[in-house]
Amino acid sequence: MSTTNSVFDAIGLDLLGIPLAESFFPDVEPQYSILRVGAGLSQPGDSTASTGGSVPGVALFSPNGERVGFKAGSADEIIEEGNFKDIKIAPIKSQNTINIEYMSVVAGGDNALCIAYLALTPPSKDYWALYGDVPKSCGAAWYHSNLPIQLDGQPYKPACFWIGAPREDTGLPTNNFPMGIGLHTIDFDSNEALQIQYNEHPDTLCKSKPRLHMYAMLSEMSCLPIFDPPLPPRNGGGDEDFGDLFTQGEAKCEPSANDIDPFPWGDQQHRLQKWQQQGKDYKPSYGVKRRSVLSSNDNSDNYCTHPDELIESSYPGHTASELCRDPNAKGPDFVSHAEGLMCDMCTRTLWPLCRDEFEEDCFDVEAKQLRRQGQIDHEQWNITAHTKVAVGQARVYKKTTKWD
């Protein structure tokens, strides 16, 4: 399992709360809150023709855990790889003057989505952003992304983290990905003291459920657990008492995200979605009616999520060795031209790239296949026990993608 502070070692503390230009965020609209979701990669579910992930659902909560607004995702609408989607969340009440402190982002369908960043613009203009490197550092399923952001005038491509709904045909989670993420948004600002705390004490970020948690089952109508009592004001510093952080939290409405089945039914769902009579039928007037999903668990270690896809990248931060040694990394086979290595994501085998037409035990980038099946010096590349030697016939790639 990857170490929780790997993101900080790689790119420093500033990634948790980078001051960004207002142009990075969605425009402000009266009453509405707008979440921009950047898609790093996708995994088609039942529709193999899809090139993007399903648009996720969103729920917003006040400091007291009360609903501010929610918007269901859409299995039919997608976010193309390397692009973003602005999701507009209307307030449940006519005036959206309540501060937003908690947020959930939930898979909209079984076309799993790898999220590179989230950027929220509430009516208060309290801009907030989170990058995929942060959930990755806490052990979330992740992959490289090809979605650049500007850091000190230089392009940086954050990792992306996976969410996906259970498949309609089996009821099983798509590649065992979590359904969504819950966040205490105010804990991811540009507070330098808090960023140092996360670096020195990563459990205060990753093992505090109200602060950040990946949920196996989650609905946009699920109520997130909050800090109760609220955390004391930090006044520009870190947390005063770490003991306050390590809690399951308490949901202040129903259904709770802590429940085994977080999906509301019957009168509760009708009330939340404000169902009204339209002709002879009753239909929801708030949010979008969401299809039901089966609840089932798949505890298998499914490394092989994209068995017939290959990605090549020359970006220095995209390393094949990191993908191969981290069991939480999920995605296509990967060629890193900067490293001169290829990672077979299904077997977790690291191969050098062939340097000439005579070299053996290497990956031929032009032919998109292994010349021979052998084993690289694992000690040299610090590959973990999860890495295996490739066996069997070479894979045929149906899709190859070159990133800049």
Protein backbone atom coordinates (compact mmCIF):
# COMPACT_ATOMS: atom_id res chain seq x y z
CA MET A 1 0.00 0.00 0.00
CA SER A 2 1.28 3.49 -0.83
CA THR A 3 2.49 5.71 1.97
CA THR A 4 0.11 8.44 3.02
CA ASN A 5 2.63 11.27 2.60
CA SER A 6 3.83 10.35 -0.89
CA VAL A 7 2.07 13.32 -2.47
CA PHE A 8 3.82 15.78 -0.18
CA ASP A 9 7.24 14.23 -0.77
CA ALA A 10 6.71 14.47 -4.52
CA ILE A 11 5.50 18.04 -4.99
CA GLY A 12 5.59 19.84 -1.66
CA LEU A 13 2.94 21.18 0.66
CA ASP A 14 1.34 23.80 -1.55
CA LEU A 15 -0.80 21.38 -3.55
CA LEU A 16 -3.41 21.08 -0.79
CA GLY A 17 -4.39 24.72 -1.05
CA ILE A 18 -2.84 26.42 -4.05
CA PRO A 19 -3.93 30.04 -4.49
CA LEU A 20 -5.45 29.99 -7.97
CA ALA A 21 -6.76 32.68 -10.26
CA GLU A 22 -10.52 33.19 -10.22
CA SER A 23 -10.57 32.11 -13.87
CA PHE A 24 -9.81 28.54 -12.70
CA PHE A 25 -13.20 28.42 -10.95
CA PRO A 26 -16.74 28.47 -12.32
CA ASP A 27 -18.36 31.91 -12.51
CA VAL A 28 -20.42 33.03 -9.53
CA GLU A 29 -24.21 32.79 -9.93
CA PRO A 30 -26.69 34.16 -7.37
CA GLN A 31 -28.05 31.44 -5.08
CA TYR A 32 -26.44 28.57 -7.02
CA SER A 33 -23.32 26.70 -5.99
CA ILE A 34 -21.25 25.42 -8.91
CA LEU A 35 -18.80 22.53 -8.78
CA ARG A 36 -16.26 22.09 -11.58
CA VAL A 37 -15.15 18.47 -11.98
CA GLY A 38 -11.98 17.80 -13.98
CA ALA A 39 -11.84 14.34 -15.60
CA GLY A 40 -8.44 12.72 -15.79
CA LEU A 41 -9.49 9.33 -17.16
CA SER A 42 -12.54 7.11 -17.56
CA GLN A 43 -13.48 3.43 -17.43
CA PRO A 44 -16.43 2.48 -19.65
CA GLY A 45 -19.03 0.36 -17.89
CA ASP A 46 -21.86 -1.21 -19.87
CA SER A 47 -21.29 1.14 -22.81
CA THR A 48 -17.86 0.34 -24.22
CA ALA A 49 -18.23 3.16 -26.77
CA SER A 50 -18.02 5.75 -23.98
CA THR A 51 -14.88 7.88 -23.93
CA GLY A 52 -15.67 9.72 -20.70
CA GLY A 53 -16.92 9.09 -17.19
CA SER A 54 -20.48 9.61 -15.98
CA VAL A 55 -21.26 13.07 -14.60
CA PRO A 56 -21.25 12.70 -10.80
CA GLY A 57 -23.85 13.75 -8.27
CA VAL A 58 -23.12 16.37 -5.62
CA ALA A 59 -24.47 17.15 -2.16
CA LEU A 60 -23.69 20.20 -0.03
CA PHE A 61 -24.13 20.57 3.73
CA SER A 62 -23.98 23.36 6.29
CA PRO A 63 -21.60 23.47 9.29
CA ASN A 64 -24.45 21.85 11.29
CA GLY A 65 -24.80 19.00 8.80
CA GLU A 66 -28.07 20.25 7.30
CA ARG A 67 -28.69 19.89 3.59
CA VAL A 68 -27.98 23.00 1.54
CA GLY A 69 -28.61 21.36 -1.82
CA PHE A 70 -27.99 18.29 -3.93
CA LYS A 71 -27.93 17.32 -7.58
CA ALA A 72 -28.07 13.74 -8.86
CA GLY A 73 -25.52 12.50 -11.37
CA SER A 74 -26.29 11.22 -14.84
CA ALA A 75 -25.31 7.88 -16.35
CA ASP A 76 -26.18 9.22 -19.81
CA GLU A 77 -24.10 12.40 -19.56
CA ILE A 78 -20.32 12.12 -19.63
CA ILE A 79 -17.25 14.23 -18.95
CA GLU A 80 -14.74 13.68 -21.71
CA GLU A 81 -11.22 12.70 -20.69
CA GLY A 82 -9.04 15.75 -20.11
CA ASN A 83 -12.04 18.09 -19.84
CA PHE A 84 -14.25 19.46 -17.08
CA LYS A 85 -17.96 19.78 -16.33
CA ASP A 86 -19.64 22.51 -14.30
CA ILE A 87 -22.42 21.13 -12.11
CA LYS A 88 -24.96 23.68 -10.84
CA ILE A 89 -26.55 22.87 -7.47
CA ALA A 90 -29.73 24.74 -6.67
CA PRO A 91 -30.54 25.44 -3.00
CA ILE A 92 -33.24 23.40 -1.33
CA LYS A 93 -34.55 26.62 0.17
CA SER A 94 -35.18 29.64 -2.03
CA GLN A 95 -32.35 31.69 -0.54
CA ASN A 96 -28.93 30.04 -0.55
CA THR A 97 -27.31 32.05 2.23
CA ILE A 98 -26.07 29.11 4.34
CA ASN A 99 -22.32 28.55 4.44
CA ILE A 100 -21.13 25.30 2.86
CA GLU A 101 -18.79 23.23 4.98
CA TYR A 102 -19.27 19.60 3.89
CA MET A 103 -19.57 18.15 0.40
CA SER A 104 -19.97 14.75 -1.21
CA VAL A 105 -19.27 13.83 -4.84
CA VAL A 106 -20.96 10.62 -5.96
CA ALA A 107 -20.61 8.44 -9.06
CA GLY A 108 -23.37 9.15 -11.57
CA GLY A 109 -23.20 5.78 -13.32
CA ASP A 110 -21.08 2.70 -13.92
CA ASN A 111 -18.87 4.53 -16.43
CA ALA A 112 -16.28 5.07 -13.70
CA LEU A 113 -14.63 8.48 -13.55
CA CYS A 114 -11.10 9.39 -12.44
CA ILE A 115 -11.29 12.91 -10.97
CA ALA A 116 -8.22 15.12 -11.32
CA TYR A 117 -9.62 18.10 -9.45
CA LEU A 118 -12.72 19.61 -7.85
CA ALA A 119 -13.27 23.38 -7.79
CA LEU A 120 -16.25 24.83 -5.94
CA THR A 121 -17.77 28.31 -6.35
CA PRO A 122 -20.52 29.02 -3.78
CA PRO A 123 -22.54 32.26 -3.84
CA SER A 124 -20.30 33.57 -1.05
CA LYS A 125 -17.28 33.46 -3.41
CA ASP A 126 -15.38 31.34 -0.88
CA TYR A 127 -13.48 29.51 -3.60
CA TRP A 128 -12.20 26.04 -2.77
CA ALA A 129 -10.28 23.37 -4.72
CA LEU A 130 -9.05 19.82 -4.17
CA TYR A 131 -6.64 17.87 -6.39
CA GLY A 132 -6.59 14.14 -7.00
CA ASP A 133 -3.20 13.81 -5.33
CA VAL A 134 -4.82 14.31 -1.93
CA PRO A 135 -7.20 11.28 -1.98
CA LYS A 136 -4.37 9.35 -3.65
CA SER A 137 -2.10 10.13 -0.69
CA CYS A 138 -4.76 8.61 1.59
CA GLY A 139 -4.86 5.30 -0.29
CA ALA A 140 -7.68 5.96 -2.79
CA ALA A 141 -7.66 4.14 -6.14
CA TRP A 142 -5.81 6.43 -8.56
CA TYR A 143 -4.02 6.86 -11.88
CA HIS A 144 -2.01 9.49 -13.71
CA SER A 145 -4.00 12.21 -15.47
CA ASN A 146 -3.31 14.34 -18.53
CA LEU A 147 -5.13 17.40 -17.25
CA PRO A 148 -2.61 20.22 -16.62
CA ILE A 149 -2.99 23.01 -14.09
CA GLN A 150 -0.62 25.92 -13.63
CA LEU A 151 1.66 25.95 -10.58
CA ASP A 152 3.96 28.96 -10.37
CA GLY A 153 3.64 29.38 -14.10
CA GLN A 154 4.56 25.76 -14.83
CA PRO A 155 2.16 23.01 -15.96
CA TYR A 156 1.49 20.31 -13.39
CA LYS A 157 -0.64 17.22 -14.00
CA PRO A 158 -2.24 15.99 -10.76
CA ALA A 159 -3.15 12.38 -10.18
CA CYS A 160 -6.82 11.45 -10.44
CA PHE A 161 -8.90 9.32 -8.07
CA TRP A 162 -11.58 6.82 -9.13
CA ILE A 163 -15.29 6.70 -8.30
CA GLY A 164 -17.87 4.43 -9.92
CA ALA A 165 -21.38 3.10 -9.32
CA PRO A 166 -22.29 -0.60 -9.27
CA ARG A 167 -22.89 -2.09 -12.71
CA GLU A 168 -26.50 -2.58 -13.74
CA ASP A 169 -25.86 -6.08 -15.07
CA THR A 170 -24.13 -7.52 -11.99
CA GLY A 171 -24.74 -5.07 -9.13
CA LEU A 172 -21.01 -5.23 -8.39
CA PRO A 173 -18.90 -2.08 -8.00
CA THR A 174 -17.05 -1.15 -11.20
CA ASN A 175 -13.56 -2.57 -10.57
CA ASN A 176 -14.28 -2.34 -6.85
CA PHE A 177 -14.07 1.47 -7.02
CA PRO A 178 -15.75 3.47 -4.23
CA MET A 179 -19.02 5.20 -5.05
CA GLY A 180 -17.98 8.60 -3.79
CA ILE A 181 -16.01 10.90 -1.53
CA GLY A 182 -17.03 12.99 1.48
CA LEU A 183 -15.07 16.14 2.38
CA HIS A 184 -14.90 18.80 5.05
CA THR A 185 -14.15 21.55 2.56
CA ILE A 186 -12.73 24.16 4.93
CA ASP A 187 -9.92 21.76 5.88
CA PHE A 188 -8.39 22.09 2.41
CA ASP A 189 -7.49 25.74 2.19
CA SER A 190 -4.16 27.58 1.95
CA ASN A 191 -3.50 27.32 5.70
CA GLU A 192 0.22 26.55 5.69
CA ALA A 193 0.25 25.32 9.31
CA LEU A 194 -2.47 22.79 8.51
CA GLN A 195 -0.58 21.62 5.42
CA ILE A 196 2.54 21.06 7.53
CA GLN A 197 0.40 19.12 10.00
CA TYR A 198 -0.90 16.83 7.24
CA ASN A 199 2.67 16.20 6.15
CA GLU A 200 3.99 15.42 9.62
CA HIS A 201 0.82 13.67 10.86
CA PRO A 202 -0.92 12.22 7.78
CA ASP A 203 -3.46 10.35 9.92
CA THR A 204 -5.02 13.72 10.78
CA LEU A 205 -5.98 13.93 7.12
CA CYS A 206 -6.56 10.33 6.12
CA LYS A 207 -8.09 8.76 9.22
CA SER A 208 -10.57 11.46 10.11
CA LYS A 209 -13.84 10.36 8.53
CA PRO A 210 -15.65 13.72 8.58
CA ARG A 211 -12.56 15.35 7.03
CA LEU A 212 -11.98 13.01 4.07
CA HIS A 213 -13.42 9.57 3.37
CA MET A 214 -13.97 7.33 0.36
CA TYR A 215 -17.35 5.57 0.62
CA ALA A 216 -18.03 2.14 -0.85
CA MET A 217 -21.75 3.02 -1.00
CA LEU A 218 -22.98 6.60 -1.23
CA SER A 219 -25.89 8.60 -2.65
CA GLU A 220 -26.21 12.34 -3.21
CA MET A 221 -29.09 12.08 -0.73
CA SER A 222 -26.83 10.51 1.92
CA CYS A 223 -26.11 12.76 4.90
CA LEU A 224 -22.41 13.05 5.65
CA PRO A 225 -21.13 12.60 9.20
CA ILE A 226 -19.85 15.87 10.65
CA PHE A 227 -17.60 16.88 13.50
CA ASP A 228 -19.84 17.04 16.57
CA PRO A 229 -18.96 19.10 18.49
CA PRO A 230 -17.43 21.30 15.76
CA LEU A 231 -13.66 21.64 15.67
CA PRO A 232 -12.43 24.75 17.49
CA PRO A 233 -11.30 27.69 15.34
CA ARG A 234 -7.74 27.27 14.08
CA ASN A 235 -7.04 30.98 13.54
CA GLY A 236 -4.42 30.25 10.91
CA GLY A 237 -2.83 27.39 12.84
CA GLY A 238 -3.21 23.62 12.91
CA ASP A 239 -5.64 21.48 14.89
CA GLU A 240 -5.39 21.98 18.64
CA ASP A 241 -6.39 18.47 19.71
CA PHE A 242 -5.78 15.56 17.34
CA GLY A 243 -8.09 13.42 19.44
CA ASP A 244 -11.07 15.42 18.13
CA LEU A 245 -10.26 14.27 14.58
CA PHE A 246 -10.36 10.50 14.95
CA THR A 247 -14.10 10.03 14.97
CA GLN A 248 -16.78 8.44 12.79
CA GLY A 249 -18.69 11.71 13.05
CA GLU A 250 -22.43 12.07 13.34
CA ALA A 251 -24.99 12.59 10.57
CA LYS A 252 -27.64 15.21 11.35
CA CYS A 253 -30.19 14.06 8.77
CA GLU A 254 -31.28 10.82 7.13
CA PRO A 255 -30.27 8.55 5.52
CA SER A 256 -26.79 8.56 6.99
CA ALA A 257 -23.73 7.87 4.83
CA ASN A 258 -22.64 5.56 7.65
CA ASP A 259 -25.56 3.24 6.90
CA ILE A 260 -25.01 0.02 4.95
CA ASP A 261 -27.63 1.16 2.43
CA PRO A 262 -27.53 4.98 2.09
CA PHE A 263 -30.34 5.17 -0.48
CA PRO A 264 -33.68 6.60 0.68
CA TRP A 265 -36.93 5.03 -0.43
CA GLY A 266 -40.65 5.76 -0.46
CA ASP A 267 -41.94 8.85 1.30
CA GLN A 268 -38.44 9.98 2.25
CA GLN A 269 -37.22 10.04 -1.34
CA HIS A 270 -40.37 11.79 -2.54
CA ARG A 271 -39.97 14.44 0.14
CA LEU A 272 -36.29 15.06 -0.62
CA GLN A 273 -36.88 15.31 -4.37
CA LYS A 274 -40.04 17.40 -3.89
CA TRP A 275 -42.29 15.18 -6.00
CA GLN A 276 -45.27 16.98 -7.53
CA GLN A 277 -48.22 15.92 -9.65
CA GLN A 278 -47.68 16.51 -13.36
CA GLY A 279 -50.77 15.46 -15.25
CA LYS A 280 -51.60 11.93 -14.17
CA ASP A 281 -48.09 11.22 -12.90
CA TYR A 282 -46.02 12.30 -9.93
CA LYS A 283 -42.46 13.35 -10.76
CA PRO A 284 -39.50 14.88 -8.87
CA SER A 285 -39.25 18.67 -9.12
CA TYR A 286 -35.87 18.99 -7.38
CA GLY A 287 -32.71 17.24 -8.58
CA VAL A 288 -32.97 14.27 -10.93
CA LYS A 289 -34.58 10.93 -10.20
CA ARG A 290 -31.82 8.42 -9.70
CA ARG A 291 -31.97 4.80 -10.76
CA SER A 292 -31.65 2.27 -7.99
CA VAL A 293 -28.49 0.21 -7.63
CA LEU A 294 -27.87 -3.16 -6.10
CA SER A 295 -25.76 -3.34 -2.99
CA SER A 296 -22.97 -5.83 -3.26
CA ASN A 297 -19.32 -6.06 -2.32
CA ASP A 298 -16.43 -7.32 -4.36
CA ASN A 299 -13.32 -7.66 -2.25
CA SER A 300 -11.09 -9.01 -4.99
CA ASP A 301 -7.89 -7.19 -5.93
CA ASN A 302 -8.84 -6.28 -9.48
CA TYR A 303 -5.67 -4.83 -10.96
CA CYS A 304 -6.66 -5.44 -14.58
CA THR A 305 -9.17 -2.63 -15.16
CA HIS A 306 -8.18 -1.66 -18.74
CA PRO A 307 -6.69 -4.88 -20.19
CA ASP A 308 -6.64 -3.78 -23.84
CA GLU A 309 -5.51 -0.17 -23.45
CA LEU A 310 -2.06 1.44 -23.45
CA ILE A 311 -1.04 5.01 -22.60
CA GLU A 312 2.29 6.63 -23.49
CA SER A 313 3.54 9.77 -21.77
CA SER A 314 6.70 11.91 -21.91
CA TYR A 315 5.72 14.03 -18.90
CA PRO A 316 8.47 13.65 -16.24
CA GLY A 317 5.97 13.30 -13.41
CA HIS A 318 4.28 10.31 -15.08
CA THR A 319 6.32 7.33 -13.95
CA ALA A 320 5.62 3.71 -14.78
CA SER A 321 7.52 2.52 -11.71
CA GLU A 322 5.15 4.30 -9.30
CA LEU A 323 2.12 2.71 -10.96
CA CYS A 324 3.68 -0.75 -10.81
CA ARG A 325 4.62 -0.63 -7.15
CA ASP A 326 1.38 0.90 -5.80
CA PRO A 327 -1.48 -1.62 -5.46
CA ASN A 328 -3.95 1.29 -5.35
CA ALA A 329 -3.04 2.39 -8.88
CA LYS A 330 -5.69 1.27 -11.41
CA GLY A 331 -5.74 1.92 -15.15
CA PRO A 332 -4.25 1.03 -18.55
CA ASP A 333 -0.74 -0.27 -19.17
CA PHE A 334 1.63 2.67 -19.10
CA VAL A 335 4.76 3.70 -21.01
CA SER A 336 6.93 6.38 -19.41
CA HIS A 337 9.36 7.76 -22.00
CA ALA A 338 10.97 9.92 -19.32
CA GLU A 339 11.84 6.79 -17.31
CA GLY A 340 12.34 4.47 -20.26
CA LEU A 341 9.99 1.94 -18.62
CA MET A 342 6.64 0.28 -19.24
CA CYS A 343 4.29 -1.03 -16.53
CA ASP A 344 2.05 -4.00 -17.27
CA MET A 345 -0.81 -3.05 -14.96
CA CYS A 346 -2.41 -6.50 -15.02
CA THR A 347 0.66 -8.39 -13.82
CA ARG A 348 2.43 -5.45 -12.11
CA THR A 349 5.55 -6.17 -14.15
CA LEU A 350 8.00 -3.40 -15.01
CA TRP A 351 9.77 -3.63 -18.39
CA PRO A 352 12.52 -1.47 -19.91
CA LEU A 353 11.78 0.04 -23.31
CA CYS A 354 13.68 -1.52 -26.20
CA ARG A 355 16.56 0.71 -27.32
CA ASP A 356 17.26 -1.09 -30.60
CA GLU A 357 15.85 -3.81 -32.79
CA PHE A 358 18.06 -6.52 -31.27
CA GLU A 359 17.42 -6.01 -27.56
CA GLU A 360 15.40 -8.65 -25.72
CA ASP A 361 13.43 -8.75 -22.49
CA CYS A 362 11.99 -5.32 -23.23
CA PHE A 363 8.84 -3.59 -24.48
CA ASP A 364 8.81 -2.57 -28.13
CA VAL A 365 6.98 0.77 -28.24
CA GLU A 366 6.60 0.74 -32.02
CA ALA A 367 5.18 -2.80 -32.16
CA LYS A 368 3.25 -2.33 -28.87
CA GLN A 369 4.37 -5.70 -27.55
CA LEU A 370 7.02 -7.48 -25.50
CA ARG A 371 9.96 -8.85 -27.45
CA ARG A 372 10.41 -11.60 -24.88
CA GLN A 373 9.00 -12.27 -21.46
CA GLY A 374 11.60 -11.93 -18.78
CA GLN A 375 12.03 -10.12 -15.50
CA ILE A 376 13.59 -6.75 -14.81
CA ASP A 377 15.87 -6.24 -11.80
CA HIS A 378 13.17 -5.61 -9.19
CA GLU A 379 15.63 -4.46 -6.54
CA GLN A 380 16.87 -1.69 -8.82
CA TRP A 381 13.35 -0.28 -9.18
CA ASN A 382 12.18 -1.06 -5.64
CA ILE A 383 9.16 -3.06 -6.81
CA THR A 384 7.01 -4.49 -4.05
CA ALA A 385 5.75 -8.03 -3.57
CA HIS A 386 2.70 -7.08 -5.65
CA THR A 387 4.88 -7.10 -8.79
CA LYS A 388 4.87 -10.35 -10.77
CA VAL A 389 6.63 -11.85 -13.77
CA ALA A 390 4.61 -11.69 -16.98
CA VAL A 391 3.38 -15.02 -18.27
CA GLY A 392 1.16 -16.16 -21.12
CA GLN A 393 0.50 -14.60 -24.50
CA ALA A 394 1.19 -10.96 -25.25
CA ARG A 395 -1.80 -8.65 -25.02
CA VAL A 396 -3.28 -6.99 -28.11
CA TYR A 397 -4.13 -3.35 -27.48
CA LYS A 398 -7.39 -2.09 -28.95
CA LYS A 399 -6.75 1.47 -27.86
CA THR A 400 -3.47 3.35 -27.55
CA THR A 401 -3.21 6.95 -26.39
CA LYS A 402 -0.25 9.32 -26.45
CA TRP A 403 -0.16 12.06 -23.84
CA ASP A 404 1.97 15.18 -24.26
